[in-house]
Amino acid sequence: MIVYRIAKLKKRATDLSGMGAYKEGGRWNNAGTYMLYTSENSSLAYLENLVHFEIENTPPNLYIMSIGISADDALIYTLPDKIYPESWRETGNLQNKIVGDQLMEHRKFLAIKIRSAINKLEYNYLLNPLFPGYHDLVKIRLIEELAVDARLVK
């Protein structure tokens, strides 16, 4: 399986550690929990990043990472719709963070497949850098520079 991730800086385009989410937290984790946010397709990864940019701080270029996951489906958990917290699409929902933290802490799955809050018909994959054998199963396949289309950040 291939998933995609966007990096704002070239030097971060090789980082699969989940350190950014560990330091800052995210929709599905509190600070202190390692997690690598990825998307099922490159356009969703792009969109997931654009929603966080302020016009004046938008970088001219991004770096898109194609990441190969060499694992069978048993190592990827799809979060059932009934488990999504109420108002899960709202920014800062603490229940989301609790769900994500618990799933990462158990280290039972390499990845959690969750709906995108931007487009709930598509999915993101939350990778667990602390999963046993993670660095053998998750590899960067390709890094490409991607110019930010000015029409998207007006």
N, C-alpha and C. Protein backbone atom coordinates (compact mmCIF):
# COMPACT_ATOMS: atom_id res chain seq x y z
N MET A 1 0.84 -1.17 0.00
CA MET A 1 0.00 0.00 0.00
C MET A 1 0.89 1.24 0.00
N ILE A 2 0.44 2.28 -0.68
CA ILE A 2 1.13 3.57 -0.70
C ILE A 2 0.24 4.60 -0.02
N VAL A 3 0.82 5.39 0.87
CA VAL A 3 0.14 6.53 1.47
C VAL A 3 0.99 7.76 1.22
N TYR A 4 0.43 8.94 1.49
CA TYR A 4 1.09 10.18 1.15
C TYR A 4 1.14 11.12 2.35
N ARG A 5 2.20 11.90 2.35
CA ARG A 5 2.39 12.88 3.42
C ARG A 5 3.04 14.11 2.81
N ILE A 6 2.69 15.27 3.32
CA ILE A 6 3.28 16.53 2.86
C ILE A 6 4.22 17.07 3.93
N ALA A 7 5.38 17.53 3.51
CA ALA A 7 6.32 18.21 4.40
C ALA A 7 6.49 19.63 3.89
N LYS A 8 6.59 20.57 4.81
CA LYS A 8 6.77 21.98 4.43
C LYS A 8 8.22 22.28 4.08
N LEU A 9 9.13 21.52 4.66
CA LEU A 9 10.55 21.74 4.44
C LEU A 9 11.20 20.48 3.88
N LYS A 10 12.16 20.68 2.98
CA LYS A 10 12.83 19.53 2.37
C LYS A 10 13.51 18.65 3.41
N LYS A 11 14.11 19.28 4.42
CA LYS A 11 14.81 18.49 5.45
C LYS A 11 13.87 17.63 6.28
N ARG A 12 12.56 17.94 6.29
CA ARG A 12 11.58 17.14 7.03
C ARG A 12 10.96 16.05 6.17
N ALA A 13 11.27 16.07 4.88
CA ALA A 13 10.63 15.14 3.94
C ALA A 13 11.14 13.70 4.06
N THR A 14 12.07 13.46 4.93
CA THR A 14 12.54 12.08 5.15
C THR A 14 12.19 11.59 6.56
N ASP A 15 11.44 12.38 7.28
CA ASP A 15 11.13 12.08 8.67
C ASP A 15 9.85 11.25 8.79
N LEU A 16 9.99 10.04 9.27
CA LEU A 16 8.85 9.15 9.52
C LEU A 16 8.63 8.90 11.01
N SER A 17 9.24 9.73 11.83
CA SER A 17 9.28 9.47 13.27
C SER A 17 8.00 9.80 14.02
N GLY A 18 7.17 10.68 13.48
CA GLY A 18 5.99 11.13 14.22
C GLY A 18 6.32 12.14 15.29
N MET A 19 7.52 12.71 15.23
CA MET A 19 7.98 13.66 16.25
C MET A 19 7.16 14.95 16.25
N GLY A 20 6.72 15.40 15.08
CA GLY A 20 5.91 16.61 15.02
C GLY A 20 4.62 16.46 15.81
N ALA A 21 3.92 15.34 15.60
CA ALA A 21 2.69 15.07 16.35
C ALA A 21 3.00 14.85 17.83
N TYR A 22 4.15 14.25 18.12
CA TYR A 22 4.56 14.04 19.51
C TYR A 22 4.71 15.39 20.23
N LYS A 23 5.32 16.35 19.55
CA LYS A 23 5.57 17.66 20.15
C LYS A 23 4.32 18.52 20.22
N GLU A 24 3.52 18.51 19.16
CA GLU A 24 2.40 19.44 19.05
C GLU A 24 1.03 18.83 19.27
N GLY A 25 0.90 17.54 19.10
CA GLY A 25 -0.42 16.91 19.12
C GLY A 25 -1.12 17.17 17.78
N GLY A 26 -2.28 16.62 17.61
CA GLY A 26 -3.04 16.78 16.37
C GLY A 26 -4.49 16.42 16.62
N ARG A 27 -5.27 16.30 15.57
CA ARG A 27 -6.69 15.96 15.72
C ARG A 27 -6.88 14.66 16.49
N TRP A 28 -6.00 13.67 16.24
CA TRP A 28 -6.18 12.33 16.82
C TRP A 28 -5.14 11.97 17.87
N ASN A 29 -4.36 12.94 18.35
CA ASN A 29 -3.41 12.63 19.43
C ASN A 29 -3.08 13.86 20.25
N ASN A 30 -2.78 13.62 21.51
CA ASN A 30 -2.26 14.65 22.39
C ASN A 30 -0.75 14.73 22.23
N ALA A 31 -0.18 15.86 22.56
CA ALA A 31 1.27 15.97 22.63
C ALA A 31 1.76 14.87 23.57
N GLY A 32 2.86 14.23 23.20
CA GLY A 32 3.40 13.13 23.99
C GLY A 32 3.09 11.76 23.41
N THR A 33 2.28 11.73 22.34
CA THR A 33 1.97 10.47 21.65
C THR A 33 2.55 10.55 20.24
N TYR A 34 3.39 9.60 19.89
CA TYR A 34 3.95 9.54 18.55
C TYR A 34 2.87 9.09 17.56
N MET A 35 2.79 9.79 16.42
CA MET A 35 1.82 9.44 15.39
C MET A 35 2.28 10.12 14.10
N LEU A 36 2.18 9.41 12.99
CA LEU A 36 2.52 10.01 11.69
C LEU A 36 1.23 10.07 10.87
N TYR A 37 0.81 11.28 10.56
CA TYR A 37 -0.41 11.50 9.79
C TYR A 37 -0.12 11.36 8.30
N THR A 38 -0.86 10.49 7.63
CA THR A 38 -0.71 10.29 6.19
C THR A 38 -2.11 10.20 5.58
N SER A 39 -2.17 10.23 4.25
CA SER A 39 -3.45 10.19 3.54
C SER A 39 -3.43 9.12 2.47
N GLU A 40 -4.62 8.65 2.10
CA GLU A 40 -4.74 7.59 1.10
C GLU A 40 -4.40 8.05 -0.32
N ASN A 41 -4.44 9.36 -0.57
CA ASN A 41 -4.04 9.85 -1.88
C ASN A 41 -3.34 11.20 -1.74
N SER A 42 -2.61 11.58 -2.77
CA SER A 42 -1.79 12.79 -2.68
C SER A 42 -2.63 14.06 -2.61
N SER A 43 -3.77 14.09 -3.28
CA SER A 43 -4.59 15.30 -3.25
C SER A 43 -5.18 15.51 -1.85
N LEU A 44 -5.53 14.46 -1.16
CA LEU A 44 -6.03 14.61 0.21
C LEU A 44 -4.91 15.09 1.13
N ALA A 45 -3.72 14.55 0.97
CA ALA A 45 -2.59 15.01 1.78
C ALA A 45 -2.36 16.50 1.56
N TYR A 46 -2.45 16.94 0.31
CA TYR A 46 -2.29 18.36 -0.05
C TYR A 46 -3.38 19.19 0.62
N LEU A 47 -4.62 18.77 0.50
CA LEU A 47 -5.74 19.49 1.08
C LEU A 47 -5.64 19.54 2.61
N GLU A 48 -5.25 18.43 3.22
CA GLU A 48 -5.12 18.37 4.67
C GLU A 48 -4.10 19.40 5.18
N ASN A 49 -3.11 19.72 4.36
CA ASN A 49 -2.13 20.73 4.75
C ASN A 49 -2.59 22.14 4.45
N LEU A 50 -3.21 22.35 3.31
CA LEU A 50 -3.63 23.69 2.92
C LEU A 50 -4.58 24.33 3.91
N VAL A 51 -5.43 23.54 4.55
CA VAL A 51 -6.39 24.12 5.50
C VAL A 51 -5.70 24.74 6.72
N HIS A 52 -4.43 24.43 6.93
CA HIS A 52 -3.71 24.96 8.08
C HIS A 52 -2.85 26.18 7.75
N PHE A 53 -2.76 26.54 6.48
CA PHE A 53 -1.91 27.65 6.09
C PHE A 53 -2.65 28.98 6.16
N GLU A 54 -1.97 29.99 6.66
CA GLU A 54 -2.46 31.35 6.55
C GLU A 54 -1.84 31.90 5.28
N ILE A 55 -2.60 32.74 4.57
CA ILE A 55 -2.16 33.22 3.25
C ILE A 55 -0.74 33.78 3.29
N GLU A 56 -0.46 34.61 4.28
CA GLU A 56 0.86 35.25 4.33
C GLU A 56 1.99 34.30 4.71
N ASN A 57 1.67 33.13 5.25
CA ASN A 57 2.70 32.17 5.67
C ASN A 57 2.75 30.92 4.80
N THR A 58 2.07 30.94 3.67
CA THR A 58 2.05 29.78 2.80
C THR A 58 3.41 29.62 2.11
N PRO A 59 4.03 28.46 2.26
CA PRO A 59 5.32 28.26 1.59
C PRO A 59 5.12 28.18 0.07
N PRO A 60 6.12 28.58 -0.72
CA PRO A 60 5.98 28.50 -2.17
C PRO A 60 6.00 27.06 -2.68
N ASN A 61 6.67 26.20 -1.94
CA ASN A 61 6.78 24.80 -2.33
C ASN A 61 6.58 23.90 -1.12
N LEU A 62 6.06 22.72 -1.41
CA LEU A 62 5.92 21.68 -0.41
C LEU A 62 6.64 20.45 -0.94
N TYR A 63 6.75 19.44 -0.12
CA TYR A 63 7.39 18.19 -0.54
C TYR A 63 6.43 17.06 -0.23
N ILE A 64 6.07 16.33 -1.27
CA ILE A 64 5.13 15.23 -1.09
C ILE A 64 5.90 13.92 -1.03
N MET A 65 5.60 13.17 0.01
CA MET A 65 6.26 11.90 0.25
C MET A 65 5.32 10.77 -0.12
N SER A 66 5.79 9.85 -0.94
CA SER A 66 5.07 8.60 -1.19
C SER A 66 5.69 7.57 -0.26
N ILE A 67 4.87 6.99 0.59
CA ILE A 67 5.35 6.09 1.62
C ILE A 67 4.77 4.70 1.41
N GLY A 68 5.64 3.73 1.28
CA GLY A 68 5.20 2.35 1.11
C GLY A 68 5.01 1.67 2.45
N ILE A 69 3.89 0.96 2.58
CA ILE A 69 3.63 0.18 3.78
C ILE A 69 3.58 -1.29 3.36
N SER A 70 4.50 -2.07 3.89
CA SER A 70 4.57 -3.50 3.58
C SER A 70 3.98 -4.29 4.73
N ALA A 71 2.66 -4.32 4.78
CA ALA A 71 2.00 -5.02 5.88
C ALA A 71 0.67 -5.57 5.38
N ASP A 72 0.24 -6.65 5.98
CA ASP A 72 -1.06 -7.18 5.58
C ASP A 72 -2.17 -6.38 6.27
N ASP A 73 -3.37 -6.57 5.79
CA ASP A 73 -4.52 -5.81 6.28
C ASP A 73 -4.77 -6.00 7.77
N ALA A 74 -4.32 -7.08 8.35
CA ALA A 74 -4.55 -7.33 9.77
C ALA A 74 -3.84 -6.30 10.65
N LEU A 75 -2.81 -5.65 10.12
CA LEU A 75 -2.07 -4.65 10.89
C LEU A 75 -2.63 -3.24 10.72
N ILE A 76 -3.70 -3.12 9.93
CA ILE A 76 -4.33 -1.82 9.70
C ILE A 76 -5.76 -1.89 10.23
N TYR A 77 -6.05 -1.08 11.19
CA TYR A 77 -7.35 -1.06 11.85
C TYR A 77 -8.20 0.07 11.27
N THR A 78 -9.37 -0.26 10.76
CA THR A 78 -10.30 0.76 10.28
C THR A 78 -11.22 1.12 11.44
N LEU A 79 -11.18 2.38 11.83
CA LEU A 79 -12.02 2.83 12.94
C LEU A 79 -13.48 2.77 12.51
N PRO A 80 -14.30 1.95 13.19
CA PRO A 80 -15.72 1.84 12.82
C PRO A 80 -16.45 3.16 13.07
N ASP A 81 -17.41 3.45 12.22
CA ASP A 81 -18.16 4.71 12.34
C ASP A 81 -18.75 4.89 13.73
N LYS A 82 -19.18 3.82 14.36
CA LYS A 82 -19.82 3.93 15.68
C LYS A 82 -18.84 4.35 16.78
N ILE A 83 -17.54 4.25 16.50
CA ILE A 83 -16.51 4.61 17.49
C ILE A 83 -16.14 6.10 17.40
N TYR A 84 -16.44 6.74 16.27
CA TYR A 84 -16.10 8.16 16.13
C TYR A 84 -16.83 8.96 17.20
N PRO A 85 -16.10 9.80 17.92
CA PRO A 85 -16.76 10.62 18.94
C PRO A 85 -17.77 11.59 18.31
N GLU A 86 -18.73 12.02 19.10
CA GLU A 86 -19.67 13.04 18.64
C GLU A 86 -18.88 14.29 18.28
N SER A 87 -19.25 14.94 17.22
CA SER A 87 -18.58 16.17 16.76
C SER A 87 -17.10 15.93 16.47
N TRP A 88 -16.75 14.76 15.99
CA TRP A 88 -15.35 14.40 15.74
C TRP A 88 -14.68 15.30 14.71
N ARG A 89 -15.45 15.95 13.86
CA ARG A 89 -14.87 16.80 12.82
C ARG A 89 -14.46 18.17 13.36
N GLU A 90 -14.87 18.51 14.56
CA GLU A 90 -14.52 19.80 15.15
C GLU A 90 -13.07 19.79 15.63
N THR A 91 -12.38 20.88 15.36
CA THR A 91 -11.00 21.02 15.79
C THR A 91 -10.92 21.01 17.31
N GLY A 92 -9.95 20.30 17.83
CA GLY A 92 -9.71 20.28 19.27
C GLY A 92 -10.60 19.34 20.07
N ASN A 93 -11.30 18.44 19.41
CA ASN A 93 -12.17 17.50 20.12
C ASN A 93 -11.30 16.56 20.95
N LEU A 94 -11.41 16.66 22.26
CA LEU A 94 -10.56 15.86 23.16
C LEU A 94 -10.85 14.37 23.06
N GLN A 95 -12.08 13.99 22.74
CA GLN A 95 -12.41 12.56 22.61
C GLN A 95 -11.62 11.92 21.46
N ASN A 96 -11.45 12.66 20.36
CA ASN A 96 -10.62 12.15 19.26
C ASN A 96 -9.22 11.79 19.77
N LYS A 97 -8.66 12.71 20.52
CA LYS A 97 -7.29 12.53 21.01
C LYS A 97 -7.20 11.31 21.93
N ILE A 98 -8.21 11.11 22.76
CA ILE A 98 -8.21 9.96 23.65
C ILE A 98 -8.25 8.66 22.85
N VAL A 99 -9.12 8.61 21.84
CA VAL A 99 -9.22 7.42 20.97
C VAL A 99 -7.87 7.14 20.30
N GLY A 100 -7.29 8.16 19.68
CA GLY A 100 -6.02 8.00 18.98
C GLY A 100 -4.88 7.62 19.92
N ASP A 101 -4.80 8.29 21.06
CA ASP A 101 -3.74 7.98 22.03
C ASP A 101 -3.82 6.52 22.47
N GLN A 102 -5.03 6.06 22.77
CA GLN A 102 -5.19 4.67 23.22
C GLN A 102 -4.78 3.67 22.13
N LEU A 103 -5.18 3.93 20.90
CA LEU A 103 -4.84 3.01 19.81
C LEU A 103 -3.33 2.97 19.57
N MET A 104 -2.66 4.10 19.69
CA MET A 104 -1.21 4.12 19.51
C MET A 104 -0.51 3.45 20.69
N GLU A 105 -1.01 3.70 21.88
CA GLU A 105 -0.40 3.16 23.10
C GLU A 105 -0.40 1.63 23.10
N HIS A 106 -1.47 1.03 22.60
CA HIS A 106 -1.56 -0.44 22.60
C HIS A 106 -0.60 -1.10 21.62
N ARG A 107 -0.15 -0.36 20.61
CA ARG A 107 0.82 -0.86 19.62
C ARG A 107 0.37 -2.16 18.96
N LYS A 108 -0.92 -2.36 18.86
CA LYS A 108 -1.46 -3.56 18.24
C LYS A 108 -1.53 -3.43 16.72
N PHE A 109 -1.61 -2.17 16.24
CA PHE A 109 -1.76 -1.93 14.81
C PHE A 109 -0.67 -1.00 14.30
N LEU A 110 -0.23 -1.26 13.10
CA LEU A 110 0.74 -0.39 12.44
C LEU A 110 0.08 0.92 12.02
N ALA A 111 -1.19 0.85 11.61
CA ALA A 111 -1.89 2.04 11.13
C ALA A 111 -3.36 1.98 11.51
N ILE A 112 -3.93 3.16 11.68
CA ILE A 112 -5.35 3.32 11.93
C ILE A 112 -5.93 4.07 10.73
N LYS A 113 -6.92 3.49 10.09
CA LYS A 113 -7.58 4.12 8.94
C LYS A 113 -8.77 4.90 9.48
N ILE A 114 -8.75 6.23 9.27
CA ILE A 114 -9.81 7.09 9.79
C ILE A 114 -10.32 8.02 8.68
N ARG A 115 -11.57 8.41 8.80
CA ARG A 115 -12.14 9.35 7.83
C ARG A 115 -11.45 10.71 7.94
N SER A 116 -11.33 11.38 6.81
CA SER A 116 -10.83 12.74 6.80
C SER A 116 -11.92 13.68 7.31
N ALA A 117 -11.56 14.62 8.16
CA ALA A 117 -12.52 15.60 8.64
C ALA A 117 -12.86 16.61 7.56
N ILE A 118 -12.01 16.73 6.55
CA ILE A 118 -12.24 17.66 5.45
C ILE A 118 -13.17 17.05 4.40
N ASN A 119 -12.93 15.78 4.10
CA ASN A 119 -13.76 15.05 3.14
C ASN A 119 -14.00 13.67 3.73
N LYS A 120 -15.13 13.50 4.40
CA LYS A 120 -15.36 12.26 5.14
C LYS A 120 -15.59 11.04 4.25
N LEU A 121 -15.53 11.23 2.92
CA LEU A 121 -15.62 10.10 1.99
C LEU A 121 -14.24 9.51 1.71
N GLU A 122 -13.19 10.19 2.16
CA GLU A 122 -11.83 9.73 1.96
C GLU A 122 -11.17 9.46 3.32
N TYR A 123 -10.00 8.82 3.28
CA TYR A 123 -9.39 8.35 4.52
C TYR A 123 -7.95 8.83 4.70
N ASN A 124 -7.61 9.02 5.94
CA ASN A 124 -6.24 9.23 6.36
C ASN A 124 -5.79 7.97 7.10
N TYR A 125 -4.49 7.80 7.17
CA TYR A 125 -3.90 6.68 7.90
C TYR A 125 -2.97 7.26 8.96
N LEU A 126 -3.22 6.90 10.20
CA LEU A 126 -2.40 7.32 11.31
C LEU A 126 -1.40 6.20 11.59
N LEU A 127 -0.14 6.45 11.29
CA LEU A 127 0.87 5.41 11.46
C LEU A 127 1.46 5.48 12.87
N ASN A 128 1.77 4.32 13.41
CA ASN A 128 2.32 4.23 14.76
C ASN A 128 3.82 3.93 14.70
N PRO A 129 4.65 4.97 14.86
CA PRO A 129 6.10 4.78 14.79
C PRO A 129 6.66 3.86 15.87
N LEU A 130 5.89 3.58 16.91
CA LEU A 130 6.35 2.69 17.99
C LEU A 130 5.90 1.25 17.80
N PHE A 131 5.21 0.98 16.70
CA PHE A 131 4.79 -0.39 16.40
C PHE A 131 6.04 -1.25 16.16
N PRO A 132 6.11 -2.45 16.72
CA PRO A 132 7.28 -3.31 16.51
C PRO A 132 7.54 -3.56 15.02
N GLY A 133 8.75 -3.27 14.57
CA GLY A 133 9.12 -3.47 13.18
C GLY A 133 8.71 -2.34 12.26
N TYR A 134 8.25 -1.22 12.81
CA TYR A 134 7.78 -0.08 12.02
C TYR A 134 8.77 0.31 10.92
N HIS A 135 10.02 0.46 11.25
CA HIS A 135 11.00 0.94 10.28
C HIS A 135 11.33 -0.09 9.20
N ASP A 136 10.96 -1.33 9.41
CA ASP A 136 11.09 -2.35 8.37
C ASP A 136 9.86 -2.36 7.46
N LEU A 137 8.72 -1.95 7.99
CA LEU A 137 7.45 -2.02 7.26
C LEU A 137 7.07 -0.72 6.54
N VAL A 138 7.65 0.38 6.97
CA VAL A 138 7.29 1.70 6.45
C VAL A 138 8.53 2.35 5.84
N LYS A 139 8.48 2.61 4.53
CA LYS A 139 9.64 3.16 3.82
C LYS A 139 9.20 4.26 2.86
N ILE A 140 10.01 5.30 2.77
CA ILE A 140 9.76 6.35 1.78
C ILE A 140 10.11 5.80 0.40
N ARG A 141 9.19 5.93 -0.52
CA ARG A 141 9.41 5.46 -1.89
C ARG A 141 9.87 6.59 -2.79
N LEU A 142 9.31 7.79 -2.58
CA LEU A 142 9.59 8.91 -3.48
C LEU A 142 9.29 10.21 -2.75
N ILE A 143 10.12 11.22 -3.01
CA ILE A 143 9.87 12.57 -2.52
C ILE A 143 9.89 13.49 -3.73
N GLU A 144 8.83 14.27 -3.87
CA GLU A 144 8.73 15.20 -4.99
C GLU A 144 8.40 16.59 -4.48
N GLU A 145 9.01 17.59 -5.13
CA GLU A 145 8.68 18.97 -4.81
C GLU A 145 7.35 19.31 -5.46
N LEU A 146 6.54 20.07 -4.75
CA LEU A 146 5.21 20.42 -5.21
C LEU A 146 5.01 21.91 -5.01
N ALA A 147 4.85 22.65 -6.10
CA ALA A 147 4.59 24.08 -6.00
C ALA A 147 3.17 24.30 -5.49
N VAL A 148 3.01 25.26 -4.60
CA VAL A 148 1.68 25.58 -4.08
C VAL A 148 0.97 26.44 -5.11
N ASP A 149 -0.17 26.00 -5.56
CA ASP A 149 -0.97 26.74 -6.53
C ASP A 149 -1.61 27.93 -5.82
N ALA A 150 -1.27 29.13 -6.25
CA ALA A 150 -1.73 30.35 -5.60
C ALA A 150 -3.25 30.47 -5.56
N ARG A 151 -3.94 29.83 -6.48
CA ARG A 151 -5.42 29.89 -6.50
C ARG A 151 -6.02 29.21 -5.28
N LEU A 152 -5.28 28.34 -4.63
CA LEU A 152 -5.80 27.60 -3.49
C LEU A 152 -5.62 28.31 -2.16
N VAL A 153 -4.84 29.38 -2.14
CA VAL A 153 -4.56 30.07 -0.88
C VAL A 153 -4.92 31.55 -0.92
N LYS A 154 -5.91 31.90 -1.73
CA LYS A 154 -6.34 33.29 -1.82
C LYS A 154 -7.16 33.68 -0.62
